[in-house]
Amino acid sequence: MIRRGLHEDRLERMKLLYDLNKHITTLATGILLLIAGLLEKVFKEPIWMLLAGAAFVSFALCVALSVFAMLCFALYSRLTWKKPTDPTDTGVKTFAVALMLFILGIILFTIFAVANLFWK
């Protein structure tokens, strides 16, 4: 079994994280459109509108941070030098925050939807 170099392993991991960010960005963007459509068509007089607004902001920030993280991961593949402070450190931290915002947005929107569908 041939052992690849550390750089190749790390580059492969960055590619996987880049793809994961693409998927999260796609999902968050779709959910933003879903929220807008549901508010317009289904929830005519919504209660707890603050939750929908917070979920919308959470998903929008998730998209922005995911795009920034993707830029960090893409930059890593272009660098010829690899220092301990390379852009992937920032990218991984940004991805973690984006993922937390995505989960928070799902929780907030779920509470909003349940409150408007069943408690009204």
PDB file of N, CA and C in Angstrom:
ATOM      1  N   MET A   1       0.843  -1.172   0.000  1.00  0.00           N
ATOM      2  CA  MET A   1       0.000   0.000   0.000  1.00  0.00           C
ATOM      3  C   MET A   1       0.889   1.236   0.000  1.00  0.00           C
ATOM      4  N   ILE A   2       0.625   2.111  -0.920  1.00  0.00           N
ATOM      5  CA  ILE A   2       1.443   3.308  -1.056  1.00  0.00           C
ATOM      6  C   ILE A   2       0.832   4.424  -0.209  1.00  0.00           C
ATOM      7  N   ARG A   3       1.663   5.036   0.625  1.00  0.00           N
ATOM      8  CA  ARG A   3       1.209   6.139   1.486  1.00  0.00           C
ATOM      9  C   ARG A   3       1.401   7.453   0.752  1.00  0.00           C
ATOM     10  N   ARG A   4       0.311   8.174   0.589  1.00  0.00           N
ATOM     11  CA  ARG A   4       0.422   9.478  -0.045  1.00  0.00           C
ATOM     12  C   ARG A   4       1.005  10.472   0.940  1.00  0.00           C
ATOM     13  N   GLY A   5       1.458  11.579   0.417  1.00  0.00           N
ATOM     14  CA  GLY A   5       2.034  12.602   1.263  1.00  0.00           C
ATOM     15  C   GLY A   5       0.987  13.325   2.090  1.00  0.00           C
ATOM     16  N   LEU A   6       1.453  14.012   3.106  1.00  0.00           N
ATOM     17  CA  LEU A   6       0.562  14.757   3.990  1.00  0.00           C
ATOM     18  C   LEU A   6      -0.191  15.840   3.230  1.00  0.00           C
ATOM     19  N   HIS A   7       0.480  16.473   2.296  1.00  0.00           N
ATOM     20  CA  HIS A   7      -0.165  17.529   1.525  1.00  0.00           C
ATOM     21  C   HIS A   7      -1.310  16.974   0.680  1.00  0.00           C
ATOM     22  N   GLU A   8      -1.122  15.832   0.055  1.00  0.00           N
ATOM     23  CA  GLU A   8      -2.181  15.243  -0.765  1.00  0.00           C
ATOM     24  C   GLU A   8      -3.378  14.834   0.082  1.00  0.00           C
ATOM     25  N   ASP A   9      -3.114  14.304   1.278  1.00  0.00           N
ATOM     26  CA  ASP A   9      -4.209  13.931   2.173  1.00  0.00           C
ATOM     27  C   ASP A   9      -4.998  15.159   2.611  1.00  0.00           C
ATOM     28  N   ARG A  10      -4.269  16.193   2.952  1.00  0.00           N
ATOM     29  CA  ARG A  10      -4.939  17.417   3.399  1.00  0.00           C
ATOM     30  C   ARG A  10      -5.703  18.069   2.238  1.00  0.00           C
ATOM     31  N   LEU A  11      -5.131  18.023   1.052  1.00  0.00           N
ATOM     32  CA  LEU A  11      -5.808  18.585  -0.112  1.00  0.00           C
ATOM     33  C   LEU A  11      -7.114  17.830  -0.391  1.00  0.00           C
ATOM     34  N   GLU A  12      -7.087  16.524  -0.245  1.00  0.00           N
ATOM     35  CA  GLU A  12      -8.302  15.727  -0.438  1.00  0.00           C
ATOM     36  C   GLU A  12      -9.359  16.084   0.611  1.00  0.00           C
ATOM     37  N   ARG A  13      -8.928  16.279   1.852  1.00  0.00           N
ATOM     38  CA  ARG A  13      -9.859  16.668   2.913  1.00  0.00           C
ATOM     39  C   ARG A  13     -10.469  18.037   2.622  1.00  0.00           C
ATOM     40  N   MET A  14      -9.667  18.958   2.105  1.00  0.00           N
ATOM     41  CA  MET A  14     -10.174  20.287   1.773  1.00  0.00           C
ATOM     42  C   MET A  14     -11.196  20.224   0.636  1.00  0.00           C
ATOM     43  N   LYS A  15     -10.973  19.321  -0.309  1.00  0.00           N
ATOM     44  CA  LYS A  15     -11.933  19.141  -1.398  1.00  0.00           C
ATOM     45  C   LYS A  15     -13.267  18.625  -0.861  1.00  0.00           C
ATOM     46  N   LEU A  16     -13.206  17.700   0.098  1.00  0.00           N
ATOM     47  CA  LEU A  16     -14.435  17.177   0.693  1.00  0.00           C
ATOM     48  C   LEU A  16     -15.164  18.251   1.486  1.00  0.00           C
ATOM     49  N   LEU A  17     -14.423  19.062   2.226  1.00  0.00           N
ATOM     50  CA  LEU A  17     -15.043  20.159   2.966  1.00  0.00           C
ATOM     51  C   LEU A  17     -15.638  21.198   2.014  1.00  0.00           C
ATOM     52  N   TYR A  18     -14.958  21.437   0.908  1.00  0.00           N
ATOM     53  CA  TYR A  18     -15.474  22.363  -0.099  1.00  0.00           C
ATOM     54  C   TYR A  18     -16.812  21.861  -0.637  1.00  0.00           C
ATOM     55  N   ASP A  19     -16.874  20.568  -0.954  1.00  0.00           N
ATOM     56  CA  ASP A  19     -18.122  19.988  -1.459  1.00  0.00           C
ATOM     57  C   ASP A  19     -19.227  20.053  -0.408  1.00  0.00           C
ATOM     58  N   LEU A  20     -18.881  19.788   0.844  1.00  0.00           N
ATOM     59  CA  LEU A  20     -19.870  19.865   1.919  1.00  0.00           C
ATOM     60  C   LEU A  20     -20.414  21.286   2.050  1.00  0.00           C
ATOM     61  N   ASN A  21     -19.546  22.274   1.913  1.00  0.00           N
ATOM     62  CA  ASN A  21     -19.986  23.667   1.947  1.00  0.00           C
ATOM     63  C   ASN A  21     -20.913  23.982   0.777  1.00  0.00           C
ATOM     64  N   LYS A  22     -20.624  23.416  -0.397  1.00  0.00           N
ATOM     65  CA  LYS A  22     -21.500  23.622  -1.554  1.00  0.00           C
ATOM     66  C   LYS A  22     -22.902  23.102  -1.258  1.00  0.00           C
ATOM     67  N   HIS A  23     -22.975  21.930  -0.649  1.00  0.00           N
ATOM     68  CA  HIS A  23     -24.279  21.336  -0.355  1.00  0.00           C
ATOM     69  C   HIS A  23     -25.029  22.140   0.692  1.00  0.00           C
ATOM     70  N   ILE A  24     -24.337  22.598   1.712  1.00  0.00           N
ATOM     71  CA  ILE A  24     -24.986  23.401   2.749  1.00  0.00           C
ATOM     72  C   ILE A  24     -25.470  24.722   2.160  1.00  0.00           C
ATOM     73  N   THR A  25     -24.667  25.322   1.289  1.00  0.00           N
ATOM     74  CA  THR A  25     -25.067  26.568   0.650  1.00  0.00           C
ATOM     75  C   THR A  25     -26.325  26.363  -0.196  1.00  0.00           C
ATOM     76  N   THR A  26     -26.367  25.272  -0.936  1.00  0.00           N
ATOM     77  CA  THR A  26     -27.536  24.968  -1.757  1.00  0.00           C
ATOM     78  C   THR A  26     -28.776  24.750  -0.902  1.00  0.00           C
ATOM     79  N   LEU A  27     -28.634  23.982   0.170  1.00  0.00           N
ATOM     80  CA  LEU A  27     -29.773  23.733   1.054  1.00  0.00           C
ATOM     81  C   LEU A  27     -30.256  25.017   1.724  1.00  0.00           C
ATOM     82  N   ALA A  28     -29.327  25.816   2.227  1.00  0.00           N
ATOM     83  CA  ALA A  28     -29.713  27.053   2.914  1.00  0.00           C
ATOM     84  C   ALA A  28     -30.395  28.030   1.953  1.00  0.00           C
ATOM     85  N   THR A  29     -29.895  28.108   0.729  1.00  0.00           N
ATOM     86  CA  THR A  29     -30.520  28.988  -0.259  1.00  0.00           C
ATOM     87  C   THR A  29     -31.931  28.497  -0.593  1.00  0.00           C
ATOM     88  N   GLY A  30     -32.088  27.194  -0.745  1.00  0.00           N
ATOM     89  CA  GLY A  30     -33.415  26.635  -1.003  1.00  0.00           C
ATOM     90  C   GLY A  30     -34.378  26.880   0.141  1.00  0.00           C
ATOM     91  N   ILE A  31     -33.885  26.779   1.364  1.00  0.00           N
ATOM     92  CA  ILE A  31     -34.745  27.016   2.524  1.00  0.00           C
ATOM     93  C   ILE A  31     -35.136  28.487   2.604  1.00  0.00           C
ATOM     94  N   LEU A  32     -34.229  29.386   2.225  1.00  0.00           N
ATOM     95  CA  LEU A  32     -34.579  30.813   2.182  1.00  0.00           C
ATOM     96  C   LEU A  32     -35.761  31.044   1.231  1.00  0.00           C
ATOM     97  N   LEU A  33     -35.712  30.414   0.081  1.00  0.00           N
ATOM     98  CA  LEU A  33     -36.823  30.537  -0.867  1.00  0.00           C
ATOM     99  C   LEU A  33     -38.091  29.882  -0.332  1.00  0.00           C
ATOM    100  N   LEU A  34     -37.926  28.770   0.358  1.00  0.00           N
ATOM    101  CA  LEU A  34     -39.071  28.088   0.957  1.00  0.00           C
ATOM    102  C   LEU A  34     -39.730  28.966   2.019  1.00  0.00           C
ATOM    103  N   ILE A  35     -38.926  29.603   2.859  1.00  0.00           N
ATOM    104  CA  ILE A  35     -39.475  30.490   3.889  1.00  0.00           C
ATOM    105  C   ILE A  35     -40.255  31.625   3.231  1.00  0.00           C
ATOM    106  N   ALA A  36     -39.655  32.234   2.215  1.00  0.00           N
ATOM    107  CA  ALA A  36     -40.328  33.346   1.529  1.00  0.00           C
ATOM    108  C   ALA A  36     -41.643  32.879   0.901  1.00  0.00           C
ATOM    109  N   GLY A  37     -41.630  31.720   0.272  1.00  0.00           N
ATOM    110  CA  GLY A  37     -42.849  31.200  -0.352  1.00  0.00           C
ATOM    111  C   GLY A  37     -43.919  30.847   0.662  1.00  0.00           C
ATOM    112  N   LEU A  38     -43.513  30.212   1.769  1.00  0.00           N
ATOM    113  CA  LEU A  38     -44.494  29.850   2.793  1.00  0.00           C
ATOM    114  C   LEU A  38     -45.099  31.077   3.455  1.00  0.00           C
ATOM    115  N   LEU A  39     -44.283  32.080   3.697  1.00  0.00           N
ATOM    116  CA  LEU A  39     -44.809  33.300   4.317  1.00  0.00           C
ATOM    117  C   LEU A  39     -45.804  33.997   3.391  1.00  0.00           C
ATOM    118  N   GLU A  40     -45.566  33.885   2.107  1.00  0.00           N
ATOM    119  CA  GLU A  40     -46.449  34.550   1.147  1.00  0.00           C
ATOM    120  C   GLU A  40     -47.738  33.755   0.911  1.00  0.00           C
ATOM    121  N   LYS A  41     -47.614  32.443   0.779  1.00  0.00           N
ATOM    122  CA  LYS A  41     -48.759  31.632   0.349  1.00  0.00           C
ATOM    123  C   LYS A  41     -49.498  30.919   1.481  1.00  0.00           C
ATOM    124  N   VAL A  42     -48.778  30.367   2.434  1.00  0.00           N
ATOM    125  CA  VAL A  42     -49.409  29.497   3.427  1.00  0.00           C
ATOM    126  C   VAL A  42     -49.763  30.245   4.710  1.00  0.00           C
ATOM    127  N   PHE A  43     -48.807  30.952   5.257  1.00  0.00           N
ATOM    128  CA  PHE A  43     -49.021  31.638   6.532  1.00  0.00           C
ATOM    129  C   PHE A  43     -49.499  33.066   6.266  1.00  0.00           C
ATOM    130  N   LYS A  44     -50.807  33.225   6.147  1.00  0.00           N
ATOM    131  CA  LYS A  44     -51.375  34.543   5.828  1.00  0.00           C
ATOM    132  C   LYS A  44     -51.242  35.507   7.010  1.00  0.00           C
ATOM    133  N   GLU A  45     -51.540  35.033   8.210  1.00  0.00           N
ATOM    134  CA  GLU A  45     -51.415  35.844   9.431  1.00  0.00           C
ATOM    135  C   GLU A  45     -50.548  35.078  10.426  1.00  0.00           C
ATOM    136  N   PRO A  46     -49.240  35.061  10.214  1.00  0.00           N
ATOM    137  CA  PRO A  46     -48.370  34.238  11.058  1.00  0.00           C
ATOM    138  C   PRO A  46     -48.213  34.798  12.474  1.00  0.00           C
ATOM    139  N   ILE A  47     -48.067  33.867  13.410  1.00  0.00           N
ATOM    140  CA  ILE A  47     -47.715  34.250  14.770  1.00  0.00           C
ATOM    141  C   ILE A  47     -46.232  33.977  14.951  1.00  0.00           C
ATOM    142  N   TRP A  48     -45.629  34.598  15.910  1.00  0.00           N
ATOM    143  CA  TRP A  48     -44.203  34.449  16.200  1.00  0.00           C
ATOM    144  C   TRP A  48     -43.359  34.752  14.962  1.00  0.00           C
ATOM    145  N   MET A  49     -43.674  35.849  14.324  1.00  0.00           N
ATOM    146  CA  MET A  49     -42.974  36.245  13.099  1.00  0.00           C
ATOM    147  C   MET A  49     -41.474  36.465  13.345  1.00  0.00           C
ATOM    148  N   LEU A  50     -41.127  36.799  14.584  1.00  0.00           N
ATOM    149  CA  LEU A  50     -39.725  37.004  14.928  1.00  0.00           C
ATOM    150  C   LEU A  50     -38.901  35.736  14.683  1.00  0.00           C
ATOM    151  N   LEU A  51     -39.505  34.571  14.924  1.00  0.00           N
ATOM    152  CA  LEU A  51     -38.797  33.310  14.673  1.00  0.00           C
ATOM    153  C   LEU A  51     -38.502  33.119  13.189  1.00  0.00           C
ATOM    154  N   ALA A  52     -39.448  33.465  12.349  1.00  0.00           N
ATOM    155  CA  ALA A  52     -39.221  33.344  10.902  1.00  0.00           C
ATOM    156  C   ALA A  52     -38.127  34.295  10.463  1.00  0.00           C
ATOM    157  N   GLY A  53     -38.131  35.503  11.003  1.00  0.00           N
ATOM    158  CA  GLY A  53     -37.080  36.466  10.673  1.00  0.00           C
ATOM    159  C   GLY A  53     -35.710  36.011  11.147  1.00  0.00           C
ATOM    160  N   ALA A  54     -35.664  35.453  12.357  1.00  0.00           N
ATOM    161  CA  ALA A  54     -34.396  34.947  12.885  1.00  0.00           C
ATOM    162  C   ALA A  54     -33.892  33.762  12.064  1.00  0.00           C
ATOM    163  N   ALA A  55     -34.795  32.887  11.648  1.00  0.00           N
ATOM    164  CA  ALA A  55     -34.408  31.752  10.803  1.00  0.00           C
ATOM    165  C   ALA A  55     -33.890  32.242   9.458  1.00  0.00           C
ATOM    166  N   PHE A  56     -34.556  33.240   8.891  1.00  0.00           N
ATOM    167  CA  PHE A  56     -34.141  33.796   7.612  1.00  0.00           C
ATOM    168  C   PHE A  56     -32.729  34.386   7.712  1.00  0.00           C
ATOM    169  N   VAL A  57     -32.474  35.158   8.762  1.00  0.00           N
ATOM    170  CA  VAL A  57     -31.147  35.747   8.973  1.00  0.00           C
ATOM    171  C   VAL A  57     -30.107  34.652   9.196  1.00  0.00           C
ATOM    172  N   SER A  58     -30.479  33.637   9.955  1.00  0.00           N
ATOM    173  CA  SER A  58     -29.561  32.532  10.225  1.00  0.00           C
ATOM    174  C   SER A  58     -29.150  31.823   8.939  1.00  0.00           C
ATOM    175  N   PHE A  59     -30.108  31.548   8.062  1.00  0.00           N
ATOM    176  CA  PHE A  59     -29.783  30.894   6.791  1.00  0.00           C
ATOM    177  C   PHE A  59     -28.985  31.814   5.867  1.00  0.00           C
ATOM    178  N   ALA A  60     -29.307  33.095   5.869  1.00  0.00           N
ATOM    179  CA  ALA A  60     -28.569  34.040   5.025  1.00  0.00           C
ATOM    180  C   ALA A  60     -27.109  34.143   5.480  1.00  0.00           C
ATOM    181  N   LEU A  61     -26.892  34.205   6.787  1.00  0.00           N
ATOM    182  CA  LEU A  61     -25.515  34.228   7.305  1.00  0.00           C
ATOM    183  C   LEU A  61     -24.797  32.906   7.014  1.00  0.00           C
ATOM    184  N   CYS A  62     -25.534  31.813   7.084  1.00  0.00           N
ATOM    185  CA  CYS A  62     -24.957  30.509   6.760  1.00  0.00           C
ATOM    186  C   CYS A  62     -24.454  30.486   5.326  1.00  0.00           C
ATOM    187  N   VAL A  63     -25.239  31.017   4.410  1.00  0.00           N
ATOM    188  CA  VAL A  63     -24.821  31.065   2.998  1.00  0.00           C
ATOM    189  C   VAL A  63     -23.564  31.910   2.848  1.00  0.00           C
ATOM    190  N   ALA A  64     -23.555  33.088   3.461  1.00  0.00           N
ATOM    191  CA  ALA A  64     -22.396  33.984   3.340  1.00  0.00           C
ATOM    192  C   ALA A  64     -21.135  33.348   3.925  1.00  0.00           C
ATOM    193  N   LEU A  65     -21.241  32.747   5.097  1.00  0.00           N
ATOM    194  CA  LEU A  65     -20.076  32.132   5.723  1.00  0.00           C
ATOM    195  C   LEU A  65     -19.613  30.889   4.961  1.00  0.00           C
ATOM    196  N   SER A  66     -20.549  30.143   4.407  1.00  0.00           N
ATOM    197  CA  SER A  66     -20.167  28.965   3.617  1.00  0.00           C
ATOM    198  C   SER A  66     -19.403  29.362   2.358  1.00  0.00           C
ATOM    199  N   VAL A  67     -19.837  30.434   1.723  1.00  0.00           N
ATOM    200  CA  VAL A  67     -19.127  30.915   0.533  1.00  0.00           C
ATOM    201  C   VAL A  67     -17.722  31.370   0.920  1.00  0.00           C
ATOM    202  N   PHE A  68     -17.594  32.064   2.051  1.00  0.00           N
ATOM    203  CA  PHE A  68     -16.271  32.482   2.520  1.00  0.00           C
ATOM    204  C   PHE A  68     -15.384  31.272   2.815  1.00  0.00           C
ATOM    205  N   ALA A  69     -15.952  30.254   3.453  1.00  0.00           N
ATOM    206  CA  ALA A  69     -15.183  29.040   3.752  1.00  0.00           C
ATOM    207  C   ALA A  69     -14.757  28.342   2.455  1.00  0.00           C
ATOM    208  N   MET A  70     -15.637  28.321   1.457  1.00  0.00           N
ATOM    209  CA  MET A  70     -15.270  27.708   0.175  1.00  0.00           C
ATOM    210  C   MET A  70     -14.109  28.452  -0.466  1.00  0.00           C
ATOM    211  N   LEU A  71     -14.106  29.774  -0.348  1.00  0.00           N
ATOM    212  CA  LEU A  71     -12.982  30.549  -0.872  1.00  0.00           C
ATOM    213  C   LEU A  71     -11.683  30.196  -0.148  1.00  0.00           C
ATOM    214  N   CYS A  72     -11.756  30.011   1.156  1.00  0.00           N
ATOM    215  CA  CYS A  72     -10.561  29.617   1.918  1.00  0.00           C
ATOM    216  C   CYS A  72     -10.052  28.256   1.464  1.00  0.00           C
ATOM    217  N   PHE A  73     -10.961  27.306   1.270  1.00  0.00           N
ATOM    218  CA  PHE A  73     -10.549  25.972   0.837  1.00  0.00           C
ATOM    219  C   PHE A  73     -10.000  25.988  -0.586  1.00  0.00           C
ATOM    220  N   ALA A  74     -10.596  26.792  -1.453  1.00  0.00           N
ATOM    221  CA  ALA A  74     -10.104  26.896  -2.828  1.00  0.00           C
ATOM    222  C   ALA A  74      -8.726  27.544  -2.855  1.00  0.00           C
ATOM    223  N   LEU A  75      -8.510  28.512  -1.983  1.00  0.00           N
ATOM    224  CA  LEU A  75      -7.211  29.179  -1.920  1.00  0.00           C
ATOM    225  C   LEU A  75      -6.112  28.209  -1.503  1.00  0.00           C
ATOM    226  N   TYR A  76      -6.446  27.255  -0.644  1.00  0.00           N
ATOM    227  CA  TYR A  76      -5.442  26.289  -0.182  1.00  0.00           C
ATOM    228  C   TYR A  76      -4.863  25.488  -1.348  1.00  0.00           C
ATOM    229  N   SER A  77      -5.707  25.131  -2.289  1.00  0.00           N
ATOM    230  CA  SER A  77      -5.222  24.311  -3.405  1.00  0.00           C
ATOM    231  C   SER A  77      -4.322  25.103  -4.340  1.00  0.00           C
ATOM    232  N   ARG A  78      -4.363  26.434  -4.263  1.00  0.00           N
ATOM    233  CA  ARG A  78      -3.545  27.283  -5.129  1.00  0.00           C
ATOM    234  C   ARG A  78      -2.217  27.698  -4.496  1.00  0.00           C
ATOM    235  N   LEU A  79      -2.096  27.512  -3.195  1.00  0.00           N
ATOM    236  CA  LEU A  79      -0.889  27.972  -2.508  1.00  0.00           C
ATOM    237  C   LEU A  79       0.291  27.049  -2.769  1.00  0.00           C
ATOM    238  N   THR A  80       1.449  27.638  -2.905  1.00  0.00           N
ATOM    239  CA  THR A  80       2.664  26.838  -3.036  1.00  0.00           C
ATOM    240  C   THR A  80       3.339  26.683  -1.683  1.00  0.00           C
ATOM    241  N   TRP A  81       3.036  27.549  -0.730  1.00  0.00           N
ATOM    242  CA  TRP A  81       3.583  27.450   0.614  1.00  0.00           C
ATOM    243  C   TRP A  81       2.493  26.988   1.556  1.00  0.00           C
ATOM    244  N   LYS A  82       2.870  26.244   2.534  1.00  0.00           N
ATOM    245  CA  LYS A  82       1.917  25.755   3.531  1.00  0.00           C
ATOM    246  C   LYS A  82       2.479  26.090   4.906  1.00  0.00           C
ATOM    247  N   LYS A  83       1.886  27.073   5.525  1.00  0.00           N
ATOM    248  CA  LYS A  83       2.300  27.481   6.857  1.00  0.00           C
ATOM    249  C   LYS A  83       1.231  27.058   7.858  1.00  0.00           C
ATOM    250  N   PRO A  84       1.563  27.059   9.147  1.00  0.00           N
ATOM    251  CA  PRO A  84       0.550  26.691  10.143  1.00  0.00           C
ATOM    252  C   PRO A  84      -0.669  27.617  10.137  1.00  0.00           C
ATOM    253  N   THR A  85      -0.512  28.830   9.612  1.00  0.00           N
ATOM    254  CA  THR A  85      -1.648  29.761   9.582  1.00  0.00           C
ATOM    255  C   THR A  85      -2.249  29.846   8.182  1.00  0.00           C
ATOM    256  N   ASP A  86      -2.302  28.736   7.474  1.00  0.00           N
ATOM    257  CA  ASP A  86      -2.865  28.766   6.121  1.00  0.00           C
ATOM    258  C   ASP A  86      -4.375  29.005   6.176  1.00  0.00           C
ATOM    259  N   PRO A  87      -4.980  29.347   5.055  1.00  0.00           N
ATOM    260  CA  PRO A  87      -6.401  29.727   5.044  1.00  0.00           C
ATOM    261  C   PRO A  87      -7.360  28.635   5.471  1.00  0.00           C
ATOM    262  N   THR A  88      -6.927  27.393   5.488  1.00  0.00           N
ATOM    263  CA  THR A  88      -7.863  26.332   5.864  1.00  0.00           C
ATOM    264  C   THR A  88      -8.225  26.405   7.334  1.00  0.00           C
ATOM    265  N   ASP A  89      -7.339  26.949   8.180  1.00  0.00           N
ATOM    266  CA  ASP A  89      -7.685  27.113   9.589  1.00  0.00           C
ATOM    267  C   ASP A  89      -8.899  28.028   9.716  1.00  0.00           C
ATOM    268  N   THR A  90      -8.869  29.133   9.003  1.00  0.00           N
ATOM    269  CA  THR A  90      -9.998  30.060   8.997  1.00  0.00           C
ATOM    270  C   THR A  90     -11.210  29.410   8.342  1.00  0.00           C
ATOM    271  N   GLY A  91     -10.987  28.666   7.267  1.00  0.00           N
ATOM    272  CA  GLY A  91     -12.089  28.011   6.562  1.00  0.00           C
ATOM    273  C   GLY A  91     -12.816  26.994   7.420  1.00  0.00           C
ATOM    274  N   VAL A  92     -12.070  26.201   8.178  1.00  0.00           N
ATOM    275  CA  VAL A  92     -12.697  25.183   9.028  1.00  0.00           C
ATOM    276  C   VAL A  92     -13.507  25.840  10.136  1.00  0.00           C
ATOM    277  N   LYS A  93     -12.959  26.891  10.738  1.00  0.00           N
ATOM    278  CA  LYS A  93     -13.699  27.595  11.799  1.00  0.00           C
ATOM    279  C   LYS A  93     -14.949  28.266  11.234  1.00  0.00           C
ATOM    280  N   THR A  94     -14.824  28.860  10.070  1.00  0.00           N
ATOM    281  CA  THR A  94     -15.972  29.511   9.433  1.00  0.00           C
ATOM    282  C   THR A  94     -17.029  28.476   9.069  1.00  0.00           C
ATOM    283  N   PHE A  95     -16.597  27.321   8.585  1.00  0.00           N
ATOM    284  CA  PHE A  95     -17.526  26.245   8.254  1.00  0.00           C
ATOM    285  C   PHE A  95     -18.275  25.777   9.500  1.00  0.00           C
ATOM    286  N   ALA A  96     -17.580  25.670  10.626  1.00  0.00           N
ATOM    287  CA  ALA A  96     -18.225  25.237  11.870  1.00  0.00           C
ATOM    288  C   ALA A  96     -19.315  26.221  12.284  1.00  0.00           C
ATOM    289  N   VAL A  97     -19.035  27.514  12.174  1.00  0.00           N
ATOM    290  CA  VAL A  97     -20.042  28.527  12.513  1.00  0.00           C
ATOM    291  C   VAL A  97     -21.212  28.455  11.532  1.00  0.00           C
ATOM    292  N   ALA A  98     -20.918  28.288  10.236  1.00  0.00           N
ATOM    293  CA  ALA A  98     -21.982  28.192   9.233  1.00  0.00           C
ATOM    294  C   ALA A  98     -22.868  26.975   9.501  1.00  0.00           C
ATOM    295  N   LEU A  99     -22.266  25.871   9.886  1.00  0.00           N
ATOM    296  CA  LEU A  99     -23.037  24.670  10.186  1.00  0.00           C
ATOM    297  C   LEU A  99     -23.928  24.874  11.409  1.00  0.00           C
ATOM    298  N   MET A 100     -23.404  25.557  12.435  1.00  0.00           N
ATOM    299  CA  MET A 100     -24.218  25.851  13.614  1.00  0.00           C
ATOM    300  C   MET A 100     -25.388  26.778  13.264  1.00  0.00           C
ATOM    301  N   LEU A 101     -25.131  27.762  12.404  1.00  0.00           N
ATOM    302  CA  LEU A 101     -26.209  28.657  11.969  1.00  0.00           C
ATOM    303  C   LEU A 101     -27.262  27.910  11.158  1.00  0.00           C
ATOM    304  N   PHE A 102     -26.826  26.951  10.351  1.00  0.00           N
ATOM    305  CA  PHE A 102     -27.756  26.136   9.565  1.00  0.00           C
ATOM    306  C   PHE A 102     -28.670  25.340  10.492  1.00  0.00           C
ATOM    307  N   ILE A 103     -28.086  24.706  11.490  1.00  0.00           N
ATOM    308  CA  ILE A 103     -28.872  23.916  12.449  1.00  0.00           C
ATOM    309  C   ILE A 103     -29.799  24.823  13.250  1.00  0.00           C
ATOM    310  N   LEU A 104     -29.304  25.987  13.676  1.00  0.00           N
ATOM    311  CA  LEU A 104     -30.137  26.940  14.400  1.00  0.00           C
ATOM    312  C   LEU A 104     -31.312  27.396  13.538  1.00  0.00           C
ATOM    313  N   GLY A 105     -31.050  27.674  12.269  1.00  0.00           N
ATOM    314  CA  GLY A 105     -32.116  28.091  11.362  1.00  0.00           C
ATOM    315  C   GLY A 105     -33.178  27.020  11.198  1.00  0.00           C
ATOM    316  N   ILE A 106     -32.758  25.772  11.109  1.00  0.00           N
ATOM    317  CA  ILE A 106     -33.721  24.668  10.997  1.00  0.00           C
ATOM    318  C   ILE A 106     -34.587  24.585  12.248  1.00  0.00           C
ATOM    319  N   ILE A 107     -33.965  24.709  13.422  1.00  0.00           N
ATOM    320  CA  ILE A 107     -34.719  24.647  14.679  1.00  0.00           C
ATOM    321  C   ILE A 107     -35.716  25.797  14.765  1.00  0.00           C
ATOM    322  N   LEU A 108     -35.257  27.008  14.461  1.00  0.00           N
ATOM    323  CA  LEU A 108     -36.137  28.176  14.543  1.00  0.00           C
ATOM    324  C   LEU A 108     -37.303  28.073  13.562  1.00  0.00           C
ATOM    325  N   PHE A 109     -37.014  27.658  12.341  1.00  0.00           N
ATOM    326  CA  PHE A 109     -38.083  27.570  11.353  1.00  0.00           C
ATOM    327  C   PHE A 109     -39.057  26.437  11.676  1.00  0.00           C
ATOM    328  N   THR A 110     -38.560  25.348  12.236  1.00  0.00           N
ATOM    329  CA  THR A 110     -39.439  24.249  12.637  1.00  0.00           C
ATOM    330  C   THR A 110     -40.399  24.711  13.730  1.00  0.00           C
ATOM    331  N   ILE A 111     -39.885  25.428  14.723  1.00  0.00           N
ATOM    332  CA  ILE A 111     -40.749  25.941  15.786  1.00  0.00           C
ATOM    333  C   ILE A 111     -41.788  26.895  15.203  1.00  0.00           C
ATOM    334  N   PHE A 112     -41.344  27.778  14.295  1.00  0.00           N
ATOM    335  CA  PHE A 112     -42.265  28.724  13.664  1.00  0.00           C
ATOM    336  C   PHE A 112     -43.355  27.982  12.889  1.00  0.00           C
ATOM    337  N   ALA A 113     -42.975  26.995  12.097  1.00  0.00           N
ATOM    338  CA  ALA A 113     -43.948  26.266  11.280  1.00  0.00           C
ATOM    339  C   ALA A 113     -44.937  25.492  12.150  1.00  0.00           C
ATOM    340  N   VAL A 114     -44.442  24.817  13.180  1.00  0.00           N
ATOM    341  CA  VAL A 114     -45.334  24.060  14.065  1.00  0.00           C
ATOM    342  C   VAL A 114     -46.299  25.004  14.777  1.00  0.00           C
ATOM    343  N   ALA A 115     -45.789  26.131  15.232  1.00  0.00           N
ATOM    344  CA  ALA A 115     -46.650  27.091  15.934  1.00  0.00           C
ATOM    345  C   ALA A 115     -47.752  27.621  15.005  1.00  0.00           C
ATOM    346  N   ASN A 116     -47.438  27.848  13.762  1.00  0.00           N
ATOM    347  CA  ASN A 116     -48.417  28.401  12.829  1.00  0.00           C
ATOM    348  C   ASN A 116     -49.356  27.352  12.246  1.00  0.00           C
ATOM    349  N   LEU A 117     -48.927  26.124  12.188  1.00  0.00           N
ATOM    350  CA  LEU A 117     -49.790  25.076  11.631  1.00  0.00           C
ATOM    351  C   LEU A 117     -50.710  24.441  12.662  1.00  0.00           C
ATOM    352  N   PHE A 118     -50.207  24.284  13.904  1.00  0.00           N
ATOM    353  CA  PHE A 118     -50.970  23.499  14.881  1.00  0.00           C
ATOM    354  C   PHE A 118     -51.471  24.291  16.077  1.00  0.00           C
ATOM    355  N   TRP A 119     -50.855  25.410  16.430  1.00  0.00           N
ATOM    356  CA  TRP A 119     -51.260  26.125  17.632  1.00  0.00           C
ATOM    357  C   TRP A 119     -52.173  27.297  17.358  1.00  0.00           C
ATOM    358  N   LYS A 120     -52.437  27.565  16.131  1.00  0.00           N
ATOM    359  CA  LYS A 120     -53.228  28.736  15.777  1.00  0.00           C
ATOM    360  C   LYS A 120     -54.692  28.489  15.948  1.00  0.00           C
TER     361      LYS A 120
END
